[in-house]
Amino acid sequence: MADEQPTNGELSRLIGQLDTRFQSRLSELNSRLDKVVSLDVYTIQTTYMEQRVAGLQAEIQRCGDANKTLEDQFEQYQRDVAKQREEERQKRLYQAVVPVLLGLLSVAVAIWAVVSR
């Protein structure tokens, strides 16, 4: 028997094994496809993430602008306080110097009045 061809029973058994292997591979493939994200879901998720990142970037920019405004206001407050302190210092200085000068002027007038008689 040079062309040893399988019998019908052997062919049926081989086809059964192939069918079992095919069904096994098919169920494995289906389980893997269930885990794969569809392109639509990926696109929606990507779009959402891009929008979320853009929103966060805008929020960061707003916070940065608010921080800059707050820093500017604080610097202005410090300048105003320094200016107010300087004005108060000058007022106290004038309040001390003017009476002394008036006293010296009074003494000079008194001395001049006594001397001129």
PDB file of N, CA and C in Angstrom:
ATOM      1  N   MET A   1       0.810  -1.165   0.000  1.00  0.00           N
ATOM      2  CA  MET A   1       0.000   0.000   0.000  1.00  0.00           C
ATOM      3  C   MET A   1       0.864   1.242   0.000  1.00  0.00           C
ATOM      4  N   ALA A   2       1.162   1.700  -1.193  1.00  0.00           N
ATOM      5  CA  ALA A   2       2.047   2.827  -1.338  1.00  0.00           C
ATOM      6  C   ALA A   2       1.349   4.135  -1.069  1.00  0.00           C
ATOM      7  N   ASP A   3       0.064   4.295  -1.402  1.00  0.00           N
ATOM      8  CA  ASP A   3      -0.577   5.567  -1.137  1.00  0.00           C
ATOM      9  C   ASP A   3      -1.424   5.485   0.110  1.00  0.00           C
ATOM     10  N   GLU A   4      -1.063   5.060   1.079  1.00  0.00           N
ATOM     11  CA  GLU A   4      -1.744   4.910   2.363  1.00  0.00           C
ATOM     12  C   GLU A   4      -2.652   6.094   2.664  1.00  0.00           C
ATOM     13  N   GLN A   5      -3.801   6.043   2.191  1.00  0.00           N
ATOM     14  CA  GLN A   5      -4.777   7.104   2.458  1.00  0.00           C
ATOM     15  C   GLN A   5      -5.551   6.736   3.707  1.00  0.00           C
ATOM     16  N   PRO A   6      -5.897   7.785   4.506  1.00  0.00           N
ATOM     17  CA  PRO A   6      -6.631   7.478   5.739  1.00  0.00           C
ATOM     18  C   PRO A   6      -8.042   6.983   5.415  1.00  0.00           C
ATOM     19  N   THR A   7      -8.523   6.197   6.306  1.00  0.00           N
ATOM     20  CA  THR A   7      -9.869   5.671   6.135  1.00  0.00           C
ATOM     21  C   THR A   7     -10.881   6.740   6.494  1.00  0.00           C
ATOM     22  N   ASN A   8     -12.129   6.448   6.199  1.00  0.00           N
ATOM     23  CA  ASN A   8     -13.186   7.419   6.510  1.00  0.00           C
ATOM     24  C   ASN A   8     -13.269   7.670   8.018  1.00  0.00           C
ATOM     25  N   GLY A   9     -13.074   6.690   8.824  1.00  0.00           N
ATOM     26  CA  GLY A   9     -13.108   6.855  10.288  1.00  0.00           C
ATOM     27  C   GLY A   9     -11.984   7.749  10.780  1.00  0.00           C
ATOM     28  N   GLU A  10     -10.789   7.538  10.189  1.00  0.00           N
ATOM     29  CA  GLU A  10      -9.650   8.388  10.576  1.00  0.00           C
ATOM     30  C   GLU A  10      -9.889   9.831  10.132  1.00  0.00           C
ATOM     31  N   LEU A  11     -10.401   9.998   8.927  1.00  0.00           N
ATOM     32  CA  LEU A  11     -10.707  11.349   8.444  1.00  0.00           C
ATOM     33  C   LEU A  11     -11.754  12.016   9.339  1.00  0.00           C
ATOM     34  N   SER A  12     -12.756  11.280   9.741  1.00  0.00           N
ATOM     35  CA  SER A  12     -13.787  11.823  10.621  1.00  0.00           C
ATOM     36  C   SER A  12     -13.195  12.226  11.963  1.00  0.00           C
ATOM     37  N   ARG A  13     -12.285  11.378  12.503  1.00  0.00           N
ATOM     38  CA  ARG A  13     -11.635  11.701  13.772  1.00  0.00           C
ATOM     39  C   ARG A  13     -10.753  12.940  13.623  1.00  0.00           C
ATOM     40  N   LEU A  14      -9.969  13.051  12.539  1.00  0.00           N
ATOM     41  CA  LEU A  14      -9.109  14.217  12.292  1.00  0.00           C
ATOM     42  C   LEU A  14      -9.936  15.493  12.129  1.00  0.00           C
ATOM     43  N   ILE A  15     -11.051  15.382  11.413  1.00  0.00           N
ATOM     44  CA  ILE A  15     -11.933  16.544  11.237  1.00  0.00           C
ATOM     45  C   ILE A  15     -12.513  16.948  12.586  1.00  0.00           C
ATOM     46  N   GLY A  16     -12.877  15.997  13.410  1.00  0.00           N
ATOM     47  CA  GLY A  16     -13.381  16.291  14.758  1.00  0.00           C
ATOM     48  C   GLY A  16     -12.345  17.015  15.598  1.00  0.00           C
ATOM     49  N   GLN A  17     -11.064  16.561  15.510  1.00  0.00           N
ATOM     50  CA  GLN A  17      -9.986  17.234  16.248  1.00  0.00           C
ATOM     51  C   GLN A  17      -9.795  18.664  15.738  1.00  0.00           C
ATOM     52  N   LEU A  18      -9.818  18.812  14.405  1.00  0.00           N
ATOM     53  CA  LEU A  18      -9.681  20.166  13.832  1.00  0.00           C
ATOM     54  C   LEU A  18     -10.842  21.057  14.262  1.00  0.00           C
ATOM     55  N   ASP A  19     -12.049  20.499  14.255  1.00  0.00           N
ATOM     56  CA  ASP A  19     -13.216  21.272  14.662  1.00  0.00           C
ATOM     57  C   ASP A  19     -13.101  21.685  16.127  1.00  0.00           C
ATOM     58  N   THR A  20     -12.636  20.764  16.977  1.00  0.00           N
ATOM     59  CA  THR A  20     -12.449  21.084  18.403  1.00  0.00           C
ATOM     60  C   THR A  20     -11.404  22.178  18.566  1.00  0.00           C
ATOM     61  N   ARG A  21     -10.282  22.046  17.838  1.00  0.00           N
ATOM     62  CA  ARG A  21      -9.227  23.074  17.922  1.00  0.00           C
ATOM     63  C   ARG A  21      -9.739  24.408  17.386  1.00  0.00           C
ATOM     64  N   PHE A  22     -10.508  24.362  16.282  1.00  0.00           N
ATOM     65  CA  PHE A  22     -11.064  25.587  15.716  1.00  0.00           C
ATOM     66  C   PHE A  22     -12.012  26.255  16.706  1.00  0.00           C
ATOM     67  N   GLN A  23     -12.877  25.477  17.342  1.00  0.00           N
ATOM     68  CA  GLN A  23     -13.813  26.026  18.328  1.00  0.00           C
ATOM     69  C   GLN A  23     -13.044  26.612  19.520  1.00  0.00           C
ATOM     70  N   SER A  24     -11.986  25.943  19.931  1.00  0.00           N
ATOM     71  CA  SER A  24     -11.162  26.430  21.038  1.00  0.00           C
ATOM     72  C   SER A  24     -10.512  27.767  20.667  1.00  0.00           C
ATOM     73  N   ARG A  25      -9.936  27.829  19.486  1.00  0.00           N
ATOM     74  CA  ARG A  25      -9.300  29.079  19.019  1.00  0.00           C
ATOM     75  C   ARG A  25     -10.335  30.186  18.840  1.00  0.00           C
ATOM     76  N   LEU A  26     -11.500  29.816  18.337  1.00  0.00           N
ATOM     77  CA  LEU A  26     -12.551  30.794  18.130  1.00  0.00           C
ATOM     78  C   LEU A  26     -13.031  31.381  19.462  1.00  0.00           C
ATOM     79  N   SER A  27     -13.207  30.530  20.461  1.00  0.00           N
ATOM     80  CA  SER A  27     -13.632  31.054  21.771  1.00  0.00           C
ATOM     81  C   SER A  27     -12.529  31.900  22.401  1.00  0.00           C
ATOM     82  N   GLU A  28     -11.275  31.514  22.202  1.00  0.00           N
ATOM     83  CA  GLU A  28     -10.146  32.322  22.699  1.00  0.00           C
ATOM     84  C   GLU A  28     -10.108  33.679  22.003  1.00  0.00           C
ATOM     85  N   LEU A  29     -10.331  33.660  20.692  1.00  0.00           N
ATOM     86  CA  LEU A  29     -10.354  34.902  19.925  1.00  0.00           C
ATOM     87  C   LEU A  29     -11.505  35.794  20.372  1.00  0.00           C
ATOM     88  N   ASN A  30     -12.675  35.220  20.587  1.00  0.00           N
ATOM     89  CA  ASN A  30     -13.828  35.997  21.049  1.00  0.00           C
ATOM     90  C   ASN A  30     -13.569  36.604  22.420  1.00  0.00           C
ATOM     91  N   SER A  31     -12.939  35.851  23.311  1.00  0.00           N
ATOM     92  CA  SER A  31     -12.646  36.408  24.636  1.00  0.00           C
ATOM     93  C   SER A  31     -11.642  37.548  24.527  1.00  0.00           C
ATOM     94  N   ARG A  32     -10.702  37.415  23.607  1.00  0.00           N
ATOM     95  CA  ARG A  32      -9.737  38.509  23.419  1.00  0.00           C
ATOM     96  C   ARG A  32     -10.407  39.726  22.792  1.00  0.00           C
ATOM     97  N   LEU A  33     -11.314  39.497  21.859  1.00  0.00           N
ATOM     98  CA  LEU A  33     -12.017  40.618  21.231  1.00  0.00           C
ATOM     99  C   LEU A  33     -12.905  41.344  22.235  1.00  0.00           C
ATOM    100  N   ASP A  34     -13.417  40.626  23.214  1.00  0.00           N
ATOM    101  CA  ASP A  34     -14.221  41.267  24.254  1.00  0.00           C
ATOM    102  C   ASP A  34     -13.379  42.226  25.081  1.00  0.00           C
ATOM    103  N   LYS A  35     -12.097  41.931  25.177  1.00  0.00           N
ATOM    104  CA  LYS A  35     -11.203  42.777  25.976  1.00  0.00           C
ATOM    105  C   LYS A  35     -10.651  43.951  25.180  1.00  0.00           C
ATOM    106  N   VAL A  36     -10.662  43.879  23.875  1.00  0.00           N
ATOM    107  CA  VAL A  36     -10.130  44.941  23.022  1.00  0.00           C
ATOM    108  C   VAL A  36     -11.120  46.096  23.006  1.00  0.00           C
ATOM    109  N   VAL A  37     -10.592  47.294  23.161  1.00  0.00           N
ATOM    110  CA  VAL A  37     -11.425  48.492  23.138  1.00  0.00           C
ATOM    111  C   VAL A  37     -11.713  48.848  21.684  1.00  0.00           C
ATOM    112  N   SER A  38     -12.954  49.122  21.412  1.00  0.00           N
ATOM    113  CA  SER A  38     -13.300  49.481  20.034  1.00  0.00           C
ATOM    114  C   SER A  38     -12.747  50.860  19.706  1.00  0.00           C
ATOM    115  N   LEU A  39     -12.608  51.133  18.444  1.00  0.00           N
ATOM    116  CA  LEU A  39     -12.060  52.414  17.984  1.00  0.00           C
ATOM    117  C   LEU A  39     -12.955  53.567  18.424  1.00  0.00           C
ATOM    118  N   ASP A  40     -14.267  53.363  18.413  1.00  0.00           N
ATOM    119  CA  ASP A  40     -15.191  54.421  18.844  1.00  0.00           C
ATOM    120  C   ASP A  40     -14.974  54.765  20.310  1.00  0.00           C
ATOM    121  N   VAL A  41     -14.845  53.731  21.135  1.00  0.00           N
ATOM    122  CA  VAL A  41     -14.625  53.969  22.561  1.00  0.00           C
ATOM    123  C   VAL A  41     -13.283  54.661  22.771  1.00  0.00           C
ATOM    124  N   TYR A  42     -12.272  54.225  22.043  1.00  0.00           N
ATOM    125  CA  TYR A  42     -10.952  54.847  22.148  1.00  0.00           C
ATOM    126  C   TYR A  42     -11.017  56.314  21.720  1.00  0.00           C
ATOM    127  N   THR A  43     -11.717  56.589  20.627  1.00  0.00           N
ATOM    128  CA  THR A  43     -11.843  57.964  20.139  1.00  0.00           C
ATOM    129  C   THR A  43     -12.570  58.831  21.162  1.00  0.00           C
ATOM    130  N   ILE A  44     -13.650  58.315  21.717  1.00  0.00           N
ATOM    131  CA  ILE A  44     -14.401  59.075  22.725  1.00  0.00           C
ATOM    132  C   ILE A  44     -13.540  59.327  23.953  1.00  0.00           C
ATOM    133  N   GLN A  45     -12.827  58.298  24.391  1.00  0.00           N
ATOM    134  CA  GLN A  45     -11.972  58.457  25.570  1.00  0.00           C
ATOM    135  C   GLN A  45     -10.851  59.450  25.294  1.00  0.00           C
ATOM    136  N   THR A  46     -10.247  59.374  24.124  1.00  0.00           N
ATOM    137  CA  THR A  46      -9.174  60.305  23.766  1.00  0.00           C
ATOM    138  C   THR A  46      -9.696  61.735  23.713  1.00  0.00           C
ATOM    139  N   THR A  47     -10.862  61.915  23.099  1.00  0.00           N
ATOM    140  CA  THR A  47     -11.459  63.248  23.021  1.00  0.00           C
ATOM    141  C   THR A  47     -11.748  63.787  24.411  1.00  0.00           C
ATOM    142  N   TYR A  48     -12.306  62.943  25.274  1.00  0.00           N
ATOM    143  CA  TYR A  48     -12.594  63.363  26.647  1.00  0.00           C
ATOM    144  C   TYR A  48     -11.310  63.761  27.369  1.00  0.00           C
ATOM    145  N   MET A  49     -10.273  62.949  27.221  1.00  0.00           N
ATOM    146  CA  MET A  49      -9.010  63.259  27.899  1.00  0.00           C
ATOM    147  C   MET A  49      -8.409  64.567  27.368  1.00  0.00           C
ATOM    148  N   GLU A  50      -8.498  64.787  26.061  1.00  0.00           N
ATOM    149  CA  GLU A  50      -7.984  66.036  25.490  1.00  0.00           C
ATOM    150  C   GLU A  50      -8.765  67.231  26.028  1.00  0.00           C
ATOM    151  N   GLN A  51     -10.088  67.086  26.117  1.00  0.00           N
ATOM    152  CA  GLN A  51     -10.903  68.171  26.664  1.00  0.00           C
ATOM    153  C   GLN A  51     -10.574  68.403  28.133  1.00  0.00           C
ATOM    154  N   ARG A  52     -10.393  67.334  28.865  1.00  0.00           N
ATOM    155  CA  ARG A  52     -10.068  67.443  30.299  1.00  0.00           C
ATOM    156  C   ARG A  52      -8.717  68.128  30.491  1.00  0.00           C
ATOM    157  N   VAL A  53      -7.727  67.744  29.689  1.00  0.00           N
ATOM    158  CA  VAL A  53      -6.405  68.366  29.771  1.00  0.00           C
ATOM    159  C   VAL A  53      -6.500  69.848  29.410  1.00  0.00           C
ATOM    160  N   ALA A  54      -7.260  70.170  28.363  1.00  0.00           N
ATOM    161  CA  ALA A  54      -7.430  71.575  27.972  1.00  0.00           C
ATOM    162  C   ALA A  54      -8.115  72.354  29.098  1.00  0.00           C
ATOM    163  N   GLY A  55      -9.118  71.748  29.721  1.00  0.00           N
ATOM    164  CA  GLY A  55      -9.790  72.403  30.851  1.00  0.00           C
ATOM    165  C   GLY A  55      -8.848  72.625  32.013  1.00  0.00           C
ATOM    166  N   LEU A  56      -8.028  71.639  32.300  1.00  0.00           N
ATOM    167  CA  LEU A  56      -7.061  71.783  33.395  1.00  0.00           C
ATOM    168  C   LEU A  56      -6.014  72.844  33.068  1.00  0.00           C
ATOM    169  N   GLN A  57      -5.593  72.900  31.802  1.00  0.00           N
ATOM    170  CA  GLN A  57      -4.631  73.937  31.411  1.00  0.00           C
ATOM    171  C   GLN A  57      -5.253  75.324  31.565  1.00  0.00           C
ATOM    172  N   ALA A  58      -6.511  75.456  31.186  1.00  0.00           N
ATOM    173  CA  ALA A  58      -7.190  76.745  31.343  1.00  0.00           C
ATOM    174  C   ALA A  58      -7.315  77.096  32.820  1.00  0.00           C
ATOM    175  N   GLU A  59      -7.620  76.112  33.653  1.00  0.00           N
ATOM    176  CA  GLU A  59      -7.732  76.349  35.098  1.00  0.00           C
ATOM    177  C   GLU A  59      -6.381  76.746  35.688  1.00  0.00           C
ATOM    178  N   ILE A  60      -5.329  76.105  35.235  1.00  0.00           N
ATOM    179  CA  ILE A  60      -3.981  76.462  35.692  1.00  0.00           C
ATOM    180  C   ILE A  60      -3.664  77.895  35.286  1.00  0.00           C
ATOM    181  N   GLN A  61      -4.029  78.276  34.057  1.00  0.00           N
ATOM    182  CA  GLN A  61      -3.795  79.645  33.591  1.00  0.00           C
ATOM    183  C   GLN A  61      -4.572  80.639  34.447  1.00  0.00           C
ATOM    184  N   ARG A  62      -5.852  80.313  34.745  1.00  0.00           N
ATOM    185  CA  ARG A  62      -6.652  81.208  35.594  1.00  0.00           C
ATOM    186  C   ARG A  62      -6.037  81.339  36.983  1.00  0.00           C
ATOM    187  N   CYS A  63      -5.564  80.222  37.522  1.00  0.00           N
ATOM    188  CA  CYS A  63      -4.930  80.274  38.850  1.00  0.00           C
ATOM    189  C   CYS A  63      -3.650  81.105  38.805  1.00  0.00           C
ATOM    190  N   GLY A  64      -2.886  80.947  37.729  1.00  0.00           N
ATOM    191  CA  GLY A  64      -1.665  81.746  37.573  1.00  0.00           C
ATOM    192  C   GLY A  64      -1.986  83.228  37.480  1.00  0.00           C
ATOM    193  N   ASP A  65      -3.022  83.558  36.705  1.00  0.00           N
ATOM    194  CA  ASP A  65      -3.427  84.963  36.586  1.00  0.00           C
ATOM    195  C   ASP A  65      -3.919  85.506  37.927  1.00  0.00           C
ATOM    196  N   ALA A  66      -4.698  84.699  38.636  1.00  0.00           N
ATOM    197  CA  ALA A  66      -5.189  85.123  39.954  1.00  0.00           C
ATOM    198  C   ALA A  66      -4.027  85.311  40.917  1.00  0.00           C
ATOM    199  N   ASN A  67      -3.043  84.425  40.843  1.00  0.00           N
ATOM    200  CA  ASN A  67      -1.869  84.540  41.708  1.00  0.00           C
ATOM    201  C   ASN A  67      -1.080  85.809  41.380  1.00  0.00           C
ATOM    202  N   LYS A  68      -0.921  86.099  40.089  1.00  0.00           N
ATOM    203  CA  LYS A  68      -0.213  87.315  39.665  1.00  0.00           C
ATOM    204  C   LYS A  68      -0.956  88.559  40.158  1.00  0.00           C
ATOM    205  N   THR A  69      -2.284  88.553  40.012  1.00  0.00           N
ATOM    206  CA  THR A  69      -3.092  89.678  40.487  1.00  0.00           C
ATOM    207  C   THR A  69      -2.939  89.844  41.991  1.00  0.00           C
ATOM    208  N   LEU A  70      -2.969  88.735  42.704  1.00  0.00           N
ATOM    209  CA  LEU A  70      -2.817  88.783  44.154  1.00  0.00           C
ATOM    210  C   LEU A  70      -1.446  89.314  44.549  1.00  0.00           C
ATOM    211  N   GLU A  71      -0.414  88.885  43.857  1.00  0.00           N
ATOM    212  CA  GLU A  71       0.938  89.390  44.129  1.00  0.00           C
ATOM    213  C   GLU A  71       1.016  90.891  43.862  1.00  0.00           C
ATOM    214  N   ASP A  72       0.416  91.337  42.745  1.00  0.00           N
ATOM    215  CA  ASP A  72       0.417  92.768  42.423  1.00  0.00           C
ATOM    216  C   ASP A  72      -0.322  93.569  43.494  1.00  0.00           C
ATOM    217  N   GLN A  73      -1.463  93.039  43.927  1.00  0.00           N
ATOM    218  CA  GLN A  73      -2.223  93.728  44.970  1.00  0.00           C
ATOM    219  C   GLN A  73      -1.437  93.778  46.278  1.00  0.00           C
ATOM    220  N   PHE A  74      -0.733  92.705  46.605  1.00  0.00           N
ATOM    221  CA  PHE A  74       0.061  92.685  47.833  1.00  0.00           C
ATOM    222  C   PHE A  74       1.209  93.691  47.751  1.00  0.00           C
ATOM    223  N   GLU A  75       1.866  93.762  46.593  1.00  0.00           N
ATOM    224  CA  GLU A  75       2.934  94.748  46.419  1.00  0.00           C
ATOM    225  C   GLU A  75       2.393  96.166  46.553  1.00  0.00           C
ATOM    226  N   GLN A  76       1.220  96.425  45.959  1.00  0.00           N
ATOM    227  CA  GLN A  76       0.600  97.748  46.076  1.00  0.00           C
ATOM    228  C   GLN A  76       0.262  98.044  47.531  1.00  0.00           C
ATOM    229  N   TYR A  77      -0.248  97.052  48.245  1.00  0.00           N
ATOM    230  CA  TYR A  77      -0.550  97.209  49.671  1.00  0.00           C
ATOM    231  C   TYR A  77       0.716  97.558  50.454  1.00  0.00           C
ATOM    232  N   GLN A  78       1.817  96.864  50.153  1.00  0.00           N
ATOM    233  CA  GLN A  78       3.074  97.158  50.847  1.00  0.00           C
ATOM    234  C   GLN A  78       3.544  98.585  50.542  1.00  0.00           C
ATOM    235  N   ARG A  79       3.401  99.011  49.280  1.00  0.00           N
ATOM    236  CA  ARG A  79       3.793 100.393  48.941  1.00  0.00           C
ATOM    237  C   ARG A  79       2.910 101.401  49.669  1.00  0.00           C
ATOM    238  N   ASP A  80       1.601 101.112  49.717  1.00  0.00           N
ATOM    239  CA  ASP A  80       0.677 102.019  50.417  1.00  0.00           C
ATOM    240  C   ASP A  80       1.003 102.108  51.902  1.00  0.00           C
ATOM    241  N   VAL A  81       1.305 100.970  52.523  1.00  0.00           N
ATOM    242  CA  VAL A  81       1.650 100.960  53.947  1.00  0.00           C
ATOM    243  C   VAL A  81       2.947 101.725  54.173  1.00  0.00           C
ATOM    244  N   ALA A  82       3.931 101.529  53.307  1.00  0.00           N
ATOM    245  CA  ALA A  82       5.204 102.248  53.439  1.00  0.00           C
ATOM    246  C   ALA A  82       4.986 103.752  53.280  1.00  0.00           C
ATOM    247  N   LYS A  83       4.140 104.133  52.311  1.00  0.00           N
ATOM    248  CA  LYS A  83       3.849 105.553  52.103  1.00  0.00           C
ATOM    249  C   LYS A  83       3.137 106.138  53.315  1.00  0.00           C
ATOM    250  N   GLN A  84       2.172 105.400  53.859  1.00  0.00           N
ATOM    251  CA  GLN A  84       1.443 105.873  55.044  1.00  0.00           C
ATOM    252  C   GLN A  84       2.376 106.010  56.238  1.00  0.00           C
ATOM    253  N   ARG A  85       3.284 105.083  56.429  1.00  0.00           N
ATOM    254  CA  ARG A  85       4.249 105.174  57.533  1.00  0.00           C
ATOM    255  C   ARG A  85       5.162 106.386  57.372  1.00  0.00           C
ATOM    256  N   GLU A  86       5.581 106.627  56.116  1.00  0.00           N
ATOM    257  CA  GLU A  86       6.445 107.783  55.865  1.00  0.00           C
ATOM    258  C   GLU A  86       5.691 109.085  56.161  1.00  0.00           C
ATOM    259  N   GLU A  87       4.432 109.156  55.749  1.00  0.00           N
ATOM    260  CA  GLU A  87       3.637 110.357  56.036  1.00  0.00           C
ATOM    261  C   GLU A  87       3.460 110.543  57.538  1.00  0.00           C
ATOM    262  N   GLU A  88       3.200 109.463  58.262  1.00  0.00           N
ATOM    263  CA  GLU A  88       3.058 109.562  59.719  1.00  0.00           C
ATOM    264  C   GLU A  88       4.366 109.980  60.366  1.00  0.00           C
ATOM    265  N   ARG A  89       5.491 109.463  59.862  1.00  0.00           N
ATOM    266  CA  ARG A  89       6.796 109.853  60.403  1.00  0.00           C
ATOM    267  C   ARG A  89       7.040 111.338  60.181  1.00  0.00           C
ATOM    268  N   GLN A  90       6.697 111.829  58.991  1.00  0.00           N
ATOM    269  CA  GLN A  90       6.885 113.250  58.713  1.00  0.00           C
ATOM    270  C   GLN A  90       5.981 114.105  59.599  1.00  0.00           C
ATOM    271  N   LYS A  91       4.744 113.672  59.807  1.00  0.00           N
ATOM    272  CA  LYS A  91       3.840 114.428  60.691  1.00  0.00           C
ATOM    273  C   LYS A  91       4.397 114.500  62.103  1.00  0.00           C
ATOM    274  N   ARG A  92       4.891 113.369  62.604  1.00  0.00           N
ATOM    275  CA  ARG A  92       5.464 113.378  63.966  1.00  0.00           C
ATOM    276  C   ARG A  92       6.690 114.284  64.036  1.00  0.00           C
ATOM    277  N   LEU A  93       7.495 114.261  62.972  1.00  0.00           N
ATOM    278  CA  LEU A  93       8.674 115.118  62.936  1.00  0.00           C
ATOM    279  C   LEU A  93       8.272 116.587  62.944  1.00  0.00           C
ATOM    280  N   TYR A  94       7.271 116.960  62.119  1.00  0.00           N
ATOM    281  CA  TYR A  94       6.797 118.348  62.097  1.00  0.00           C
ATOM    282  C   TYR A  94       6.184 118.728  63.438  1.00  0.00           C
ATOM    283  N   GLN A  95       5.466 117.781  64.056  1.00  0.00           N
ATOM    284  CA  GLN A  95       4.857 118.081  65.348  1.00  0.00           C
ATOM    285  C   GLN A  95       5.922 118.309  66.419  1.00  0.00           C
ATOM    286  N   ALA A  96       7.085 117.734  66.259  1.00  0.00           N
ATOM    287  CA  ALA A  96       8.167 117.951  67.229  1.00  0.00           C
ATOM    288  C   ALA A  96       8.987 119.186  66.872  1.00  0.00           C
ATOM    289  N   VAL A  97       9.225 119.421  65.598  1.00  0.00           N
ATOM    290  CA  VAL A  97      10.108 120.510  65.166  1.00  0.00           C
ATOM    291  C   VAL A  97       9.408 121.864  65.244  1.00  0.00           C
ATOM    292  N   VAL A  98       8.152 121.951  64.820  1.00  0.00           N
ATOM    293  CA  VAL A  98       7.449 123.243  64.778  1.00  0.00           C
ATOM    294  C   VAL A  98       7.364 123.879  66.168  1.00  0.00           C
ATOM    295  N   PRO A  99       6.981 123.183  67.229  1.00  0.00           N
ATOM    296  CA  PRO A  99       6.949 123.838  68.543  1.00  0.00           C
ATOM    297  C   PRO A  99       8.333 124.301  68.997  1.00  0.00           C
ATOM    298  N   VAL A 100       9.354 123.516  68.676  1.00  0.00           N
ATOM    299  CA  VAL A 100      10.714 123.923  69.060  1.00  0.00           C
ATOM    300  C   VAL A 100      11.096 125.193  68.314  1.00  0.00           C
ATOM    301  N   LEU A 101      10.796 125.249  67.016  1.00  0.00           N
ATOM    302  CA  LEU A 101      11.107 126.454  66.245  1.00  0.00           C
ATOM    303  C   LEU A 101      10.313 127.659  66.738  1.00  0.00           C
ATOM    304  N   LEU A 102       9.027 127.443  67.071  1.00  0.00           N
ATOM    305  CA  LEU A 102       8.227 128.544  67.616  1.00  0.00           C
ATOM    306  C   LEU A 102       8.784 129.008  68.950  1.00  0.00           C
ATOM    307  N   GLY A 103       9.242 128.079  69.752  1.00  0.00           N
ATOM    308  CA  GLY A 103       9.854 128.444  71.028  1.00  0.00           C
ATOM    309  C   GLY A 103      11.120 129.246  70.812  1.00  0.00           C
ATOM    310  N   LEU A 104      11.959 128.800  69.890  1.00  0.00           N
ATOM    311  CA  LEU A 104      13.193 129.545  69.594  1.00  0.00           C
ATOM    312  C   LEU A 104      12.872 130.925  69.031  1.00  0.00           C
ATOM    313  N   LEU A 105      11.845 131.013  68.201  1.00  0.00           N
ATOM    314  CA  LEU A 105      11.439 132.304  67.651  1.00  0.00           C
ATOM    315  C   LEU A 105      10.937 133.221  68.761  1.00  0.00           C
ATOM    316  N   SER A 106      10.163 132.657  69.678  1.00  0.00           N
ATOM    317  CA  SER A 106       9.670 133.452  70.812  1.00  0.00           C
ATOM    318  C   SER A 106      10.817 133.954  71.659  1.00  0.00           C
ATOM    319  N   VAL A 107      11.781 133.089  71.902  1.00  0.00           N
ATOM    320  CA  VAL A 107      12.956 133.493  72.694  1.00  0.00           C
ATOM    321  C   VAL A 107      13.720 134.578  71.948  1.00  0.00           C
ATOM    322  N   ALA A 108      13.887 134.423  70.623  1.00  0.00           N
ATOM    323  CA  ALA A 108      14.624 135.430  69.854  1.00  0.00           C
ATOM    324  C   ALA A 108      13.881 136.761  69.870  1.00  0.00           C
ATOM    325  N   VAL A 109      12.557 136.736  69.764  1.00  0.00           N
ATOM    326  CA  VAL A 109      11.779 137.983  69.798  1.00  0.00           C
ATOM    327  C   VAL A 109      11.895 138.624  71.190  1.00  0.00           C
ATOM    328  N   ALA A 110      11.827 137.790  72.212  1.00  0.00           N
ATOM    329  CA  ALA A 110      11.932 138.322  73.582  1.00  0.00           C
ATOM    330  C   ALA A 110      13.291 138.950  73.789  1.00  0.00           C
ATOM    331  N   ILE A 111      14.324 138.263  73.331  1.00  0.00           N
ATOM    332  CA  ILE A 111      15.677 138.811  73.494  1.00  0.00           C
ATOM    333  C   ILE A 111      15.827 140.097  72.674  1.00  0.00           C
ATOM    334  N   TRP A 112      15.299 140.115  71.478  1.00  0.00           N
ATOM    335  CA  TRP A 112      15.396 141.308  70.640  1.00  0.00           C
ATOM    336  C   TRP A 112      14.626 142.457  71.265  1.00  0.00           C
ATOM    337  N   ALA A 113      13.470 142.161  71.901  1.00  0.00           N
ATOM    338  CA  ALA A 113      12.683 143.213  72.547  1.00  0.00           C
ATOM    339  C   ALA A 113      13.452 143.791  73.717  1.00  0.00           C
ATOM    340  N   VAL A 114      14.100 142.932  74.461  1.00  0.00           N
ATOM    341  CA  VAL A 114      14.866 143.414  75.631  1.00  0.00           C
ATOM    342  C   VAL A 114      16.079 144.209  75.143  1.00  0.00           C
ATOM    343  N   VAL A 115      16.731 143.735  74.136  1.00  0.00           N
ATOM    344  CA  VAL A 115      17.943 144.386  73.665  1.00  0.00           C
ATOM    345  C   VAL A 115      17.602 145.718  72.991  1.00  0.00           C
ATOM    346  N   SER A 116      16.504 145.797  72.283  1.00  0.00           N
ATOM    347  CA  SER A 116      16.182 147.015  71.556  1.00  0.00           C
ATOM    348  C   SER A 116      15.698 148.137  72.468  1.00  0.00           C
ATOM    349  N   ARG A 117      15.387 147.951  73.703  1.00  0.00           N
ATOM    350  CA  ARG A 117      14.952 149.015  74.591  1.00  0.00           C
ATOM    351  C   ARG A 117      16.077 149.803  75.032  1.00  0.00           C
TER     352      ARG A 117
END
